[in-house]
């Protein structure tokens, strides 16, 4: 688990995966999805469901789509 409030999610993920990025990002909250996309490996998967954060999500998925 990574506490997005006190840690840089992308930095931690890339450190844990030796720079490769995560194979899978699962986000049931919604408002926290932006940060993990930076640590997603090319051809990685994102599972986004729910909106437990109850916020409006403005997300640019183009960088993730470019990495397949």
C-alpha atoms as a PDB file:
ATOM      1  CA  UNK A   1       0.000   0.000   0.000  1.00  0.00           C
ATOM      2  CA  UNK A   2       1.157   3.522  -0.756  1.00  0.00           C
ATOM      3  CA  UNK A   3      -0.210   6.502   1.147  1.00  0.00           C
ATOM      4  CA  UNK A   4      -0.777   9.023  -1.640  1.00  0.00           C
ATOM      5  CA  UNK A   5      -1.147  11.800   0.950  1.00  0.00           C
ATOM      6  CA  UNK A   6       2.420  11.474   2.221  1.00  0.00           C
ATOM      7  CA  UNK A   7       4.325   9.767  -0.609  1.00  0.00           C
ATOM      8  CA  UNK A   8       4.877  10.437  -4.310  1.00  0.00           C
ATOM      9  CA  UNK A   9       3.004   7.470  -5.786  1.00  0.00           C
ATOM     10  CA  UNK A  10       4.826   7.481  -9.115  1.00  0.00           C
ATOM     11  CA  UNK A  11       8.223   7.666  -7.433  1.00  0.00           C
ATOM     12  CA  UNK A  12       7.432   4.815  -5.031  1.00  0.00           C
ATOM     13  CA  UNK A  13       5.986   2.576  -7.760  1.00  0.00           C
ATOM     14  CA  UNK A  14       8.927   3.133 -10.075  1.00  0.00           C
ATOM     15  CA  UNK A  15      11.320   2.481  -7.185  1.00  0.00           C
ATOM     16  CA  UNK A  16       9.577  -0.755  -6.191  1.00  0.00           C
ATOM     17  CA  UNK A  17       9.502  -2.002  -9.776  1.00  0.00           C
ATOM     18  CA  UNK A  18      13.075  -0.948 -10.622  1.00  0.00           C
ATOM     19  CA  UNK A  19      11.750   1.600 -13.125  1.00  0.00           C
ATOM     20  CA  UNK A  20       9.446  -0.777 -15.004  1.00  0.00           C
ATOM     21  CA  UNK A  21       6.150   0.524 -13.622  1.00  0.00           C
ATOM     22  CA  UNK A  22       3.097  -1.299 -12.312  1.00  0.00           C
ATOM     23  CA  UNK A  23       1.369  -4.033 -14.294  1.00  0.00           C
ATOM     24  CA  UNK A  24      -1.994  -3.156 -12.755  1.00  0.00           C
ATOM     25  CA  UNK A  25      -3.527  -0.106 -11.100  1.00  0.00           C
ATOM     26  CA  UNK A  26      -6.825  -0.638  -9.247  1.00  0.00           C
ATOM     27  CA  UNK A  27      -8.663   2.485  -8.085  1.00  0.00           C
ATOM     28  CA  UNK A  28     -12.024   2.314  -6.274  1.00  0.00           C
ATOM     29  CA  UNK A  29     -11.732   5.908  -5.038  1.00  0.00           C
ATOM     30  CA  UNK A  30     -11.584   7.927  -8.241  1.00  0.00           C
ATOM     31  CA  UNK A  31      -9.964  11.094  -6.990  1.00  0.00           C
ATOM     32  CA  UNK A  32      -6.605   9.333  -6.575  1.00  0.00           C
ATOM     33  CA  UNK A  33      -6.292   7.864 -10.064  1.00  0.00           C
ATOM     34  CA  UNK A  34      -4.183  10.599 -11.660  1.00  0.00           C
ATOM     35  CA  UNK A  35      -0.988   9.953  -9.679  1.00  0.00           C
ATOM     36  CA  UNK A  36      -0.774   6.170 -10.261  1.00  0.00           C
ATOM     37  CA  UNK A  37      -0.980   6.558 -14.039  1.00  0.00           C
ATOM     38  CA  UNK A  38       2.546   7.957 -13.990  1.00  0.00           C
ATOM     39  CA  UNK A  39       3.775   4.658 -12.566  1.00  0.00           C
ATOM     40  CA  UNK A  40       1.922   2.432 -15.009  1.00  0.00           C
ATOM     41  CA  UNK A  41       4.166   0.351 -17.276  1.00  0.00           C
ATOM     42  CA  UNK A  42       3.640   0.321 -21.048  1.00  0.00           C
ATOM     43  CA  UNK A  43       0.755  -2.045 -21.800  1.00  0.00           C
ATOM     44  CA  UNK A  44      -0.215  -1.997 -18.109  1.00  0.00           C
ATOM     45  CA  UNK A  45      -3.859  -2.147 -17.075  1.00  0.00           C
ATOM     46  CA  UNK A  46      -6.062   0.259 -15.166  1.00  0.00           C
ATOM     47  CA  UNK A  47      -9.187  -0.886 -13.356  1.00  0.00           C
ATOM     48  CA  UNK A  48     -11.267   2.091 -12.327  1.00  0.00           C
ATOM     49  CA  UNK A  49     -14.533   1.511 -10.516  1.00  0.00           C
ATOM     50  CA  UNK A  50     -16.632   3.537  -8.162  1.00  0.00           C
ATOM     51  CA  UNK A  51     -16.192   7.030  -6.850  1.00  0.00           C
ATOM     52  CA  UNK A  52     -15.663   6.619  -3.119  1.00  0.00           C
ATOM     53  CA  UNK A  53     -13.955  10.018  -3.111  1.00  0.00           C
ATOM     54  CA  UNK A  54     -17.213  11.542  -4.407  1.00  0.00           C
ATOM     55  CA  UNK A  55     -15.348  14.133  -6.437  1.00  0.00           C
ATOM     56  CA  UNK A  56     -15.479  15.205 -10.025  1.00  0.00           C
ATOM     57  CA  UNK A  57     -12.694  13.444 -11.880  1.00  0.00           C
ATOM     58  CA  UNK A  58     -10.942  15.287 -14.665  1.00  0.00           C
ATOM     59  CA  UNK A  59      -8.443  12.890 -16.143  1.00  0.00           C
ATOM     60  CA  UNK A  60      -6.329  12.998 -19.280  1.00  0.00           C
ATOM     61  CA  UNK A  61      -6.010   9.379 -20.385  1.00  0.00           C
ATOM     62  CA  UNK A  62      -3.989  10.230 -23.481  1.00  0.00           C
ATOM     63  CA  UNK A  63      -0.556   9.498 -21.893  1.00  0.00           C
ATOM     64  CA  UNK A  64      -1.779   6.052 -20.782  1.00  0.00           C
ATOM     65  CA  UNK A  65      -3.290   5.360 -24.189  1.00  0.00           C
ATOM     66  CA  UNK A  66      -0.018   6.286 -25.886  1.00  0.00           C
ATOM     67  CA  UNK A  67       1.708   3.612 -23.793  1.00  0.00           C
ATOM     68  CA  UNK A  68      -0.915   1.065 -24.889  1.00  0.00           C
END
